[in-house]
Every structure is written in structure tokens, then in C-alpha cells.
Full PDB file with SEQRES, HELIX, SHEET, SSBOND, CRYST1, ORIGX, SCALE, CONECT and MASTER records, all heavy atoms in Angstrom:
SEQRES   1 A   41  ALA GLY LEU ARG VAL LEU LEU SER ALA GLN LYS ILE MET          
SEQRES   2 A   41  ASN ARG GLN GLY SER MET LYS VAL THR GLY VAL ASN GLU          
SEQRES   3 A   41  ILE VAL MET GLU ILE PHE GLU VAL THR GLY PHE SER ASP          
SEQRES   4 A   41  ILE LEU                                                      
HELIX    1 AA1 GLY A    2  GLN A   16  1                                  15    
HELIX    2 AA2 GLU A   26  THR A   35  1                                  10    
HELIX    3 AA3 PHE A   37  ILE A   40  1                                   4    
CRYST1    1.000    1.000    1.000  90.00  90.00  90.00 P 1           1          
ORIGX1      1.000000  0.000000  0.000000        0.00000                         
ORIGX2      0.000000  1.000000  0.000000        0.00000                         
ORIGX3      0.000000  0.000000  1.000000        0.00000                         
SCALE1      1.000000  0.000000  0.000000        0.00000                         
SCALE2      0.000000  1.000000  0.000000        0.00000                         
SCALE3      0.000000  0.000000  1.000000        0.00000                         
ATOM      1  N   ALA A   1      97.846 107.131  98.093  1.00  0.00           N  
ATOM      2  CA  ALA A   1      98.136 107.893  96.865  1.00  0.00           C  
ATOM      3  C   ALA A   1      97.213 107.442  95.742  1.00  0.00           C  
ATOM      4  O   ALA A   1      96.702 108.262  94.970  1.00  0.00           O  
ATOM      5  CB  ALA A   1      99.596 107.716  96.463  1.00  0.00           C  
ATOM      6  N   GLY A   2      96.967 106.149  95.648  1.00  0.00           N  
ATOM      7  CA  GLY A   2      96.044 105.622  94.649  1.00  0.00           C  
ATOM      8  C   GLY A   2      94.615 106.055  94.927  1.00  0.00           C  
ATOM      9  O   GLY A   2      93.863 106.380  94.007  1.00  0.00           O  
ATOM     10  N   LEU A   3      94.239 106.068  96.205  1.00  0.00           N  
ATOM     11  CA  LEU A   3      92.893 106.510  96.585  1.00  0.00           C  
ATOM     12  C   LEU A   3      92.675 107.968  96.206  1.00  0.00           C  
ATOM     13  O   LEU A   3      91.600 108.341  95.740  1.00  0.00           O  
ATOM     14  CB  LEU A   3      92.675 106.318  98.095  1.00  0.00           C  
ATOM     15  CG  LEU A   3      92.605 104.871  98.581  1.00  0.00           C  
ATOM     16  CD1 LEU A   3      92.549 104.834 100.109  1.00  0.00           C  
ATOM     17  CD2 LEU A   3      91.424 104.131  97.986  1.00  0.00           C  
ATOM     18  N   ARG A   4      93.704 108.789  96.359  1.00  0.00           N  
ATOM     19  CA  ARG A   4      93.609 110.202  96.001  1.00  0.00           C  
ATOM     20  C   ARG A   4      93.336 110.357  94.507  1.00  0.00           C  
ATOM     21  O   ARG A   4      92.506 111.175  94.093  1.00  0.00           O  
ATOM     22  CB  ARG A   4      94.902 110.928  96.389  1.00  0.00           C  
ATOM     23  CG  ARG A   4      94.857 112.431  96.120  1.00  0.00           C  
ATOM     24  CD  ARG A   4      96.188 113.093  96.400  1.00  0.00           C  
ATOM     25  NE  ARG A   4      97.295 112.514  95.657  1.00  0.00           N  
ATOM     26  CZ  ARG A   4      97.540 112.719  94.365  1.00  0.00           C  
ATOM     27  NH1 ARG A   4      96.753 113.482  93.644  1.00  0.00           N  
ATOM     28  NH2 ARG A   4      98.574 112.147  93.773  1.00  0.00           N  
ATOM     29  N   VAL A   5      94.002 109.563  93.680  1.00  0.00           N  
ATOM     30  CA  VAL A   5      93.783 109.617  92.233  1.00  0.00           C  
ATOM     31  C   VAL A   5      92.348 109.193  91.899  1.00  0.00           C  
ATOM     32  O   VAL A   5      91.687 109.813  91.060  1.00  0.00           O  
ATOM     33  CB  VAL A   5      94.805 108.726  91.481  1.00  0.00           C  
ATOM     34  CG1 VAL A   5      94.484 108.652  89.999  1.00  0.00           C  
ATOM     35  CG2 VAL A   5      96.224 109.251  91.691  1.00  0.00           C  
ATOM     36  N   LEU A   6      91.849 108.153  92.581  1.00  0.00           N  
ATOM     37  CA  LEU A   6      90.469 107.712  92.361  1.00  0.00           C  
ATOM     38  C   LEU A   6      89.470 108.796  92.748  1.00  0.00           C  
ATOM     39  O   LEU A   6      88.490 109.024  92.037  1.00  0.00           O  
ATOM     40  CB  LEU A   6      90.164 106.456  93.179  1.00  0.00           C  
ATOM     41  CG  LEU A   6      90.654 105.127  92.640  1.00  0.00           C  
ATOM     42  CD1 LEU A   6      90.144 103.997  93.528  1.00  0.00           C  
ATOM     43  CD2 LEU A   6      90.206 104.908  91.225  1.00  0.00           C  
ATOM     44  N   LEU A   7      89.712 109.452  93.868  1.00  0.00           N  
ATOM     45  CA  LEU A   7      88.821 110.513  94.327  1.00  0.00           C  
ATOM     46  C   LEU A   7      88.798 111.663  93.320  1.00  0.00           C  
ATOM     47  O   LEU A   7      87.740 112.193  92.991  1.00  0.00           O  
ATOM     48  CB  LEU A   7      89.249 111.010  95.705  1.00  0.00           C  
ATOM     49  CG  LEU A   7      88.346 112.039  96.372  1.00  0.00           C  
ATOM     50  CD1 LEU A   7      86.945 111.489  96.558  1.00  0.00           C  
ATOM     51  CD2 LEU A   7      88.929 112.453  97.717  1.00  0.00           C  
ATOM     52  N   SER A   8      89.950 112.009  92.810  1.00  0.00           N  
ATOM     53  CA  SER A   8      90.052 113.069  91.813  1.00  0.00           C  
ATOM     54  C   SER A   8      89.279 112.697  90.546  1.00  0.00           C  
ATOM     55  O   SER A   8      88.529 113.512  89.993  1.00  0.00           O  
ATOM     56  CB  SER A   8      91.524 113.321  91.500  1.00  0.00           C  
ATOM     57  OG  SER A   8      91.674 114.253  90.483  1.00  0.00           O  
ATOM     58  N   ALA A   9      89.434 111.453  90.091  1.00  0.00           N  
ATOM     59  CA  ALA A   9      88.718 110.984  88.899  1.00  0.00           C  
ATOM     60  C   ALA A   9      87.211 110.987  89.145  1.00  0.00           C  
ATOM     61  O   ALA A   9      86.433 111.374  88.270  1.00  0.00           O  
ATOM     62  CB  ALA A   9      89.191 109.587  88.510  1.00  0.00           C  
ATOM     63  N   GLN A  10      86.803 110.578  90.353  1.00  0.00           N  
ATOM     64  CA  GLN A  10      85.375 110.551  90.680  1.00  0.00           C  
ATOM     65  C   GLN A  10      84.784 111.965  90.640  1.00  0.00           C  
ATOM     66  O   GLN A  10      83.689 112.171  90.132  1.00  0.00           O  
ATOM     67  CB  GLN A  10      85.160 109.930  92.068  1.00  0.00           C  
ATOM     68  CG  GLN A  10      83.705 109.816  92.477  1.00  0.00           C  
ATOM     69  CD  GLN A  10      82.930 108.834  91.622  1.00  0.00           C  
ATOM     70  OE1 GLN A  10      83.198 107.651  91.650  1.00  0.00           O  
ATOM     71  NE2 GLN A  10      81.961 109.321  90.865  1.00  0.00           N  
ATOM     72  N   LYS A  11      85.526 112.947  91.141  1.00  0.00           N  
ATOM     73  CA  LYS A  11      85.048 114.336  91.122  1.00  0.00           C  
ATOM     74  C   LYS A  11      84.867 114.829  89.691  1.00  0.00           C  
ATOM     75  O   LYS A  11      83.876 115.483  89.373  1.00  0.00           O  
ATOM     76  CB  LYS A  11      86.010 115.249  91.883  1.00  0.00           C  
ATOM     77  CG  LYS A  11      85.926 115.080  93.376  1.00  0.00           C  
ATOM     78  CD  LYS A  11      86.898 116.015  94.075  1.00  0.00           C  
ATOM     79  CE  LYS A  11      86.801 115.881  95.578  1.00  0.00           C  
ATOM     80  NZ  LYS A  11      87.748 116.752  96.271  1.00  0.00           N  
ATOM     81  N   ILE A  12      85.815 114.521  88.827  1.00  0.00           N  
ATOM     82  CA  ILE A  12      85.718 114.922  87.417  1.00  0.00           C  
ATOM     83  C   ILE A  12      84.510 114.251  86.767  1.00  0.00           C  
ATOM     84  O   ILE A  12      83.718 114.891  86.084  1.00  0.00           O  
ATOM     85  CB  ILE A  12      87.013 114.570  86.651  1.00  0.00           C  
ATOM     86  CG1 ILE A  12      88.170 115.444  87.156  1.00  0.00           C  
ATOM     87  CG2 ILE A  12      86.821 114.728  85.142  1.00  0.00           C  
ATOM     88  CD1 ILE A  12      89.536 114.976  86.703  1.00  0.00           C  
ATOM     89  N   MET A  13      84.351 112.947  86.999  1.00  0.00           N  
ATOM     90  CA  MET A  13      83.267 112.206  86.361  1.00  0.00           C  
ATOM     91  C   MET A  13      81.899 112.579  86.932  1.00  0.00           C  
ATOM     92  O   MET A  13      80.902 112.462  86.225  1.00  0.00           O  
ATOM     93  CB  MET A  13      83.516 110.694  86.462  1.00  0.00           C  
ATOM     94  CG  MET A  13      84.703 110.218  85.631  1.00  0.00           C  
ATOM     95  SD  MET A  13      84.735 110.827  83.915  1.00  0.00           S  
ATOM     96  CE  MET A  13      83.211 110.135  83.273  1.00  0.00           C  
ATOM     97  N   ASN A  14      81.844 113.056  88.163  1.00  0.00           N  
ATOM     98  CA  ASN A  14      80.566 113.538  88.710  1.00  0.00           C  
ATOM     99  C   ASN A  14      80.047 114.717  87.897  1.00  0.00           C  
ATOM    100  O   ASN A  14      78.847 114.899  87.775  1.00  0.00           O  
ATOM    101  CB  ASN A  14      80.718 113.957  90.179  1.00  0.00           C  
ATOM    102  CG  ASN A  14      80.765 112.773  91.114  1.00  0.00           C  
ATOM    103  OD1 ASN A  14      80.420 111.651  90.759  1.00  0.00           O  
ATOM    104  ND2 ASN A  14      81.212 113.015  92.340  1.00  0.00           N  
ATOM    105  N   ARG A  15      80.967 115.502  87.333  1.00  0.00           N  
ATOM    106  CA  ARG A  15      80.589 116.670  86.526  1.00  0.00           C  
ATOM    107  C   ARG A  15      80.231 116.303  85.092  1.00  0.00           C  
ATOM    108  O   ARG A  15      79.418 116.977  84.467  1.00  0.00           O  
ATOM    109  CB  ARG A  15      81.726 117.697  86.518  1.00  0.00           C  
ATOM    110  CG  ARG A  15      81.931 118.403  87.849  1.00  0.00           C  
ATOM    111  CD  ARG A  15      82.867 119.583  87.716  1.00  0.00           C  
ATOM    112  NE  ARG A  15      84.206 119.215  87.298  1.00  0.00           N  
ATOM    113  CZ  ARG A  15      85.209 118.929  88.118  1.00  0.00           C  
ATOM    114  NH1 ARG A  15      85.028 118.955  89.418  1.00  0.00           N  
ATOM    115  NH2 ARG A  15      86.398 118.621  87.647  1.00  0.00           N  
ATOM    116  N   GLN A  16      80.855 115.255  84.552  1.00  0.00           N  
ATOM    117  CA  GLN A  16      80.664 115.001  83.126  1.00  0.00           C  
ATOM    118  C   GLN A  16      80.053 113.634  82.796  1.00  0.00           C  
ATOM    119  O   GLN A  16      79.870 113.333  81.622  1.00  0.00           O  
ATOM    120  CB  GLN A  16      81.986 115.192  82.367  1.00  0.00           C  
ATOM    121  CG  GLN A  16      83.082 114.204  82.720  1.00  0.00           C  
ATOM    122  CD  GLN A  16      84.421 114.591  82.091  1.00  0.00           C  
ATOM    123  OE1 GLN A  16      84.853 115.739  82.190  1.00  0.00           O  
ATOM    124  NE2 GLN A  16      85.054 113.642  81.431  1.00  0.00           N  
ATOM    125  N   GLY A  17      79.722 112.845  83.801  1.00  0.00           N  
ATOM    126  CA  GLY A  17      79.145 111.530  83.513  1.00  0.00           C  
ATOM    127  C   GLY A  17      79.153 110.632  84.728  1.00  0.00           C  
ATOM    128  O   GLY A  17      78.783 111.054  85.813  1.00  0.00           O  
ATOM    129  N   SER A  18      79.621 109.403  84.532  1.00  0.00           N  
ATOM    130  CA  SER A  18      79.632 108.436  85.628  1.00  0.00           C  
ATOM    131  C   SER A  18      80.937 107.653  85.644  1.00  0.00           C  
ATOM    132  O   SER A  18      81.622 107.545  84.630  1.00  0.00           O  
ATOM    133  CB  SER A  18      78.460 107.464  85.486  1.00  0.00           C  
ATOM    134  OG  SER A  18      78.624 106.664  84.328  1.00  0.00           O  
ATOM    135  N   MET A  19      81.247 107.121  86.822  1.00  0.00           N  
ATOM    136  CA  MET A  19      82.446 106.301  86.985  1.00  0.00           C  
ATOM    137  C   MET A  19      82.056 105.058  87.762  1.00  0.00           C  
ATOM    138  O   MET A  19      81.309 105.131  88.738  1.00  0.00           O  
ATOM    139  CB  MET A  19      83.515 107.077  87.762  1.00  0.00           C  
ATOM    140  CG  MET A  19      84.770 106.274  88.041  1.00  0.00           C  
ATOM    141  SD  MET A  19      86.042 107.312  88.776  1.00  0.00           S  
ATOM    142  CE  MET A  19      86.549 106.284  90.140  1.00  0.00           C  
ATOM    143  N   LYS A  20      82.569 103.909  87.302  1.00  0.00           N  
ATOM    144  CA  LYS A  20      82.279 102.634  87.944  1.00  0.00           C  
ATOM    145  C   LYS A  20      83.591 101.878  88.112  1.00  0.00           C  
ATOM    146  O   LYS A  20      84.441 101.897  87.223  1.00  0.00           O  
ATOM    147  CB  LYS A  20      81.288 101.868  87.068  1.00  0.00           C  
ATOM    148  CG  LYS A  20      80.972 100.469  87.519  1.00  0.00           C  
ATOM    149  CD  LYS A  20      79.818  99.850  86.724  1.00  0.00           C  
ATOM    150  CE  LYS A  20      80.078  99.760  85.261  1.00  0.00           C  
ATOM    151  NZ  LYS A  20      79.040  99.036  84.513  1.00  0.00           N  
ATOM    152  N   VAL A  21      83.744 101.210  89.258  1.00  0.00           N  
ATOM    153  CA  VAL A  21      84.916 100.387  89.530  1.00  0.00           C  
ATOM    154  C   VAL A  21      84.457  98.933  89.518  1.00  0.00           C  
ATOM    155  O   VAL A  21      83.494  98.578  90.208  1.00  0.00           O  
ATOM    156  CB  VAL A  21      85.551 100.751  90.888  1.00  0.00           C  
ATOM    157  CG1 VAL A  21      86.769  99.883  91.161  1.00  0.00           C  
ATOM    158  CG2 VAL A  21      85.935 102.229  90.925  1.00  0.00           C  
ATOM    159  N   THR A  22      85.128  98.095  88.734  1.00  0.00           N  
ATOM    160  CA  THR A  22      84.732  96.683  88.626  1.00  0.00           C  
ATOM    161  C   THR A  22      85.885  95.764  89.009  1.00  0.00           C  
ATOM    162  O   THR A  22      87.040  96.181  89.054  1.00  0.00           O  
ATOM    163  CB  THR A  22      84.289  96.341  87.188  1.00  0.00           C  
ATOM    164  OG1 THR A  22      85.414  96.499  86.307  1.00  0.00           O  
ATOM    165  CG2 THR A  22      83.148  97.222  86.725  1.00  0.00           C  
ATOM    166  N   GLY A  23      85.550  94.505  89.285  1.00  0.00           N  
ATOM    167  CA  GLY A  23      86.557  93.471  89.524  1.00  0.00           C  
ATOM    168  C   GLY A  23      87.378  93.664  90.784  1.00  0.00           C  
ATOM    169  O   GLY A  23      88.530  93.240  90.836  1.00  0.00           O  
ATOM    170  N   VAL A  24      86.792  94.263  91.812  1.00  0.00           N  
ATOM    171  CA  VAL A  24      87.546  94.558  93.040  1.00  0.00           C  
ATOM    172  C   VAL A  24      87.708  93.285  93.873  1.00  0.00           C  
ATOM    173  O   VAL A  24      86.722  92.627  94.200  1.00  0.00           O  
ATOM    174  CB  VAL A  24      86.824  95.654  93.866  1.00  0.00           C  
ATOM    175  CG1 VAL A  24      87.568  95.931  95.159  1.00  0.00           C  
ATOM    176  CG2 VAL A  24      86.668  96.921  93.044  1.00  0.00           C  
ATOM    177  N   ASN A  25      88.954  92.954  94.208  1.00  0.00           N  
ATOM    178  CA  ASN A  25      89.197  91.762  95.030  1.00  0.00           C  
ATOM    179  C   ASN A  25      89.006  92.085  96.520  1.00  0.00           C  
ATOM    180  O   ASN A  25      88.771  93.226  96.893  1.00  0.00           O  
ATOM    181  CB  ASN A  25      90.594  91.188  94.758  1.00  0.00           C  
ATOM    182  CG  ASN A  25      91.717  92.111  95.184  1.00  0.00           C  
ATOM    183  OD1 ASN A  25      91.608  92.853  96.157  1.00  0.00           O  
ATOM    184  ND2 ASN A  25      92.816  92.065  94.455  1.00  0.00           N  
ATOM    185  N   GLU A  26      89.113  91.067  97.367  1.00  0.00           N  
ATOM    186  CA  GLU A  26      88.858  91.230  98.804  1.00  0.00           C  
ATOM    187  C   GLU A  26      89.815  92.211  99.469  1.00  0.00           C  
ATOM    188  O   GLU A  26      89.403  92.997 100.324  1.00  0.00           O  
ATOM    189  CB  GLU A  26      88.959  89.874  99.514  1.00  0.00           C  
ATOM    190  CG  GLU A  26      87.808  88.942  99.207  1.00  0.00           C  
ATOM    191  CD  GLU A  26      87.959  87.603  99.905  1.00  0.00           C  
ATOM    192  OE1 GLU A  26      88.710  87.517 100.898  1.00  0.00           O  
ATOM    193  OE2 GLU A  26      87.321  86.635  99.450  1.00  0.00           O  
ATOM    194  N   ILE A  27      91.081  92.177  99.093  1.00  0.00           N  
ATOM    195  CA  ILE A  27      92.086  93.048  99.713  1.00  0.00           C  
ATOM    196  C   ILE A  27      91.780  94.515  99.421  1.00  0.00           C  
ATOM    197  O   ILE A  27      91.747  95.356 100.313  1.00  0.00           O  
ATOM    198  CB  ILE A  27      93.507  92.677  99.226  1.00  0.00           C  
ATOM    199  CG1 ILE A  27      93.871  91.263  99.687  1.00  0.00           C  
ATOM    200  CG2 ILE A  27      94.539  93.688  99.701  1.00  0.00           C  
ATOM    201  CD1 ILE A  27      95.064  90.664  98.983  1.00  0.00           C  
ATOM    202  N   VAL A  28      91.533  94.822  98.155  1.00  0.00           N  
ATOM    203  CA  VAL A  28      91.238  96.198  97.757  1.00  0.00           C  
ATOM    204  C   VAL A  28      89.882  96.634  98.327  1.00  0.00           C  
ATOM    205  O   VAL A  28      89.739  97.763  98.799  1.00  0.00           O  
ATOM    206  CB  VAL A  28      91.291  96.349  96.219  1.00  0.00           C  
ATOM    207  CG1 VAL A  28      90.846  97.731  95.782  1.00  0.00           C  
ATOM    208  CG2 VAL A  28      92.713  96.068  95.711  1.00  0.00           C  
ATOM    209  N   MET A  29      88.900  95.730  98.337  1.00  0.00           N  
ATOM    210  CA  MET A  29      87.588  96.066  98.890  1.00  0.00           C  
ATOM    211  C   MET A  29      87.693  96.401 100.379  1.00  0.00           C  
ATOM    212  O   MET A  29      87.041  97.328 100.858  1.00  0.00           O  
ATOM    213  CB  MET A  29      86.597  94.914  98.682  1.00  0.00           C  
ATOM    214  CG  MET A  29      85.204  95.233  99.192  1.00  0.00           C  
ATOM    215  SD  MET A  29      84.475  96.732  98.476  1.00  0.00           S  
ATOM    216  CE  MET A  29      83.662  96.040  97.070  1.00  0.00           C  
ATOM    217  N   GLU A  30      88.526  95.677 101.091  1.00  0.00           N  
ATOM    218  CA  GLU A  30      88.719  95.968 102.515  1.00  0.00           C  
ATOM    219  C   GLU A  30      89.296  97.372 102.707  1.00  0.00           C  
ATOM    220  O   GLU A  30      88.868  98.112 103.592  1.00  0.00           O  
ATOM    221  CB  GLU A  30      89.636  94.928 103.155  1.00  0.00           C  
ATOM    222  CG  GLU A  30      89.762  95.101 104.649  1.00  0.00           C  
ATOM    223  CD  GLU A  30      90.567  93.998 105.314  1.00  0.00           C  
ATOM    224  OE1 GLU A  30      90.626  92.874 104.780  1.00  0.00           O  
ATOM    225  OE2 GLU A  30      91.155  94.279 106.374  1.00  0.00           O  
ATOM    226  N   ILE A  31      90.227  97.763 101.847  1.00  0.00           N  
ATOM    227  CA  ILE A  31      90.798  99.110 101.908  1.00  0.00           C  
ATOM    228  C   ILE A  31      89.706 100.143 101.615  1.00  0.00           C  
ATOM    229  O   ILE A  31      89.598 101.153 102.302  1.00  0.00           O  
ATOM    230  CB  ILE A  31      91.989  99.243 100.931  1.00  0.00           C  
ATOM    231  CG1 ILE A  31      93.146  98.355 101.394  1.00  0.00           C  
ATOM    232  CG2 ILE A  31      92.434 100.700 100.809  1.00  0.00           C  
ATOM    233  CD1 ILE A  31      94.255  98.162 100.392  1.00  0.00           C  
ATOM    234  N   PHE A  32      88.869  99.866 100.600  1.00  0.00           N  
ATOM    235  CA  PHE A  32      87.762 100.775 100.284  1.00  0.00           C  
ATOM    236  C   PHE A  32      86.803 100.908 101.466  1.00  0.00           C  
ATOM    237  O   PHE A  32      86.321 102.002 101.767  1.00  0.00           O  
ATOM    238  CB  PHE A  32      86.986 100.287  99.055  1.00  0.00           C  
ATOM    239  CG  PHE A  32      87.675 100.498  97.733  1.00  0.00           C  
ATOM    240  CD1 PHE A  32      87.238  99.836  96.606  1.00  0.00           C  
ATOM    241  CD2 PHE A  32      88.756 101.367  97.600  1.00  0.00           C  
ATOM    242  CE1 PHE A  32      87.842 100.031  95.368  1.00  0.00           C  
ATOM    243  CE2 PHE A  32      89.373 101.572  96.384  1.00  0.00           C  
ATOM    244  CZ  PHE A  32      88.921 100.901  95.263  1.00  0.00           C  
ATOM    245  N   GLU A  33      86.506  99.809 102.139  1.00  0.00           N  
ATOM    246  CA  GLU A  33      85.569  99.834 103.258  1.00  0.00           C  
ATOM    247  C   GLU A  33      86.142 100.577 104.460  1.00  0.00           C  
ATOM    248  O   GLU A  33      85.460 101.388 105.085  1.00  0.00           O  
ATOM    249  CB  GLU A  33      85.158  98.412 103.639  1.00  0.00           C  
ATOM    250  CG  GLU A  33      84.229  97.794 102.598  1.00  0.00           C  
ATOM    251  CD  GLU A  33      83.962  96.317 102.812  1.00  0.00           C  
ATOM    252  OE1 GLU A  33      84.576  95.706 103.716  1.00  0.00           O  
ATOM    253  OE2 GLU A  33      83.134  95.766 102.060  1.00  0.00           O  
ATOM    254  N   VAL A  34      87.405 100.315 104.796  1.00  0.00           N  
ATOM    255  CA  VAL A  34      88.044 100.961 105.951  1.00  0.00           C  
ATOM    256  C   VAL A  34      88.156 102.467 105.749  1.00  0.00           C  
ATOM    257  O   VAL A  34      87.979 103.243 106.689  1.00  0.00           O  
ATOM    258  CB  VAL A  34      89.441 100.329 106.220  1.00  0.00           C  
ATOM    259  CG1 VAL A  34      90.243 101.151 107.191  1.00  0.00           C  
ATOM    260  CG2 VAL A  34      89.281  98.903 106.715  1.00  0.00           C  
ATOM    261  N   THR A  35      88.416 102.885 104.512  1.00  0.00           N  
ATOM    262  CA  THR A  35      88.606 104.307 104.228  1.00  0.00           C  
ATOM    263  C   THR A  35      87.302 105.040 103.900  1.00  0.00           C  
ATOM    264  O   THR A  35      87.299 106.264 103.773  1.00  0.00           O  
ATOM    265  CB  THR A  35      89.571 104.507 103.043  1.00  0.00           C  
ATOM    266  OG1 THR A  35      89.025 103.836 101.895  1.00  0.00           O  
ATOM    267  CG2 THR A  35      90.957 103.957 103.355  1.00  0.00           C  
ATOM    268  N   GLY A  36      86.211 104.306 103.751  1.00  0.00           N  
ATOM    269  CA  GLY A  36      84.940 104.918 103.398  1.00  0.00           C  
ATOM    270  C   GLY A  36      84.757 105.094 101.893  1.00  0.00           C  
ATOM    271  O   GLY A  36      83.731 105.631 101.451  1.00  0.00           O  
ATOM    272  N   PHE A  37      85.711 104.656 101.105  1.00  0.00           N  
ATOM    273  CA  PHE A  37      85.605 104.797  99.649  1.00  0.00           C  
ATOM    274  C   PHE A  37      84.496 103.905  99.087  1.00  0.00           C  
ATOM    275  O   PHE A  37      83.979 104.182  98.003  1.00  0.00           O  
ATOM    276  CB  PHE A  37      86.944 104.473  98.971  1.00  0.00           C  
ATOM    277  CG  PHE A  37      87.822 105.676  98.819  1.00  0.00           C  
ATOM    278  CD1 PHE A  37      88.382 106.287  99.931  1.00  0.00           C  
ATOM    279  CD2 PHE A  37      88.081 106.219  97.576  1.00  0.00           C  
ATOM    280  CE1 PHE A  37      89.188 107.395  99.796  1.00  0.00           C  
ATOM    281  CE2 PHE A  37      88.884 107.331  97.429  1.00  0.00           C  
ATOM    282  CZ  PHE A  37      89.438 107.936  98.550  1.00  0.00           C  
ATOM    283  N   SER A  38      84.105 102.866  99.807  1.00  0.00           N  
ATOM    284  CA  SER A  38      83.015 102.016  99.322  1.00  0.00           C  
ATOM    285  C   SER A  38      81.700 102.791  99.283  1.00  0.00           C  
ATOM    286  O   SER A  38      80.779 102.433  98.554  1.00  0.00           O  
ATOM    287  CB  SER A  38      82.877 100.760 100.193  1.00  0.00           C  
ATOM    288  OG  SER A  38      82.695 101.120 101.538  1.00  0.00           O  
ATOM    289  N   ASP A  39      81.608 103.875 100.057  1.00  0.00           N  
ATOM    290  CA  ASP A  39      80.423 104.733 100.032  1.00  0.00           C  
ATOM    291  C   ASP A  39      80.512 105.816  98.955  1.00  0.00           C  
ATOM    292  O   ASP A  39      79.492 106.350  98.533  1.00  0.00           O  
ATOM    293  CB  ASP A  39      80.224 105.417 101.391  1.00  0.00           C  
ATOM    294  CG  ASP A  39      79.976 104.418 102.505  1.00  0.00           C  
ATOM    295  OD1 ASP A  39      79.394 103.347 102.234  1.00  0.00           O  
ATOM    296  OD2 ASP A  39      80.366 104.708 103.652  1.00  0.00           O  
ATOM    297  N   ILE A  40      81.717 106.142  98.527  1.00  0.00           N  
ATOM    298  CA  ILE A  40      81.935 107.215  97.548  1.00  0.00           C  
ATOM    299  C   ILE A  40      81.878 106.670  96.117  1.00  0.00           C  
ATOM    300  O   ILE A  40      81.304 107.293  95.230  1.00  0.00           O  
ATOM    301  CB  ILE A  40      83.306 107.882  97.783  1.00  0.00           C  
ATOM    302  CG1 ILE A  40      83.353 108.542  99.161  1.00  0.00           C  
ATOM    303  CG2 ILE A  40      83.622 108.897  96.688  1.00  0.00           C  
ATOM    304  CD1 ILE A  40      84.743 108.995  99.575  1.00  0.00           C  
ATOM    305  N   LEU A  41      82.471 105.501  95.906  1.00  0.00           N  
ATOM    306  CA  LEU A  41      82.609 104.930  94.567  1.00  0.00           C  
ATOM    307  C   LEU A  41      81.428 104.026  94.228  1.00  0.00           C  
ATOM    308  O   LEU A  41      80.819 103.426  95.115  1.00  0.00           O  
ATOM    309  CB  LEU A  41      83.887 104.104  94.480  1.00  0.00           C  
ATOM    310  CG  LEU A  41      85.210 104.818  94.771  1.00  0.00           C  
ATOM    311  CD1 LEU A  41      86.350 103.815  94.799  1.00  0.00           C  
ATOM    312  CD2 LEU A  41      85.468 105.910  93.741  1.00  0.00           C  
TER     313      LEU A  41                                                      
MASTER        0    0    0    3    0    0    0    6  312    1    0    4          
END                                                                             
């Protein structure tokens, strides 16, 4: 559910600017990598 919100925000920001995610810990980074979000964000 959180990933869906991030994807939605990324789509909006692709149209009007840029989006950056900072301070990602190992647990969250692993989730990003497994889901492919590390390639999107």
C-alpha cells in the first residue's frame, strides 16, 4: 500500500519536476530491490 502511494507520487512528479527518496535503511531498501522500485525511484 505504501509502495502504491510512492508510485503515484513518482508519476505526478515525473510530469512537474523530480522526486528523490533519502535515508533509506536496509530493510526498506531490500523491499525496494525485491519489488523493482529501486529501478523506478
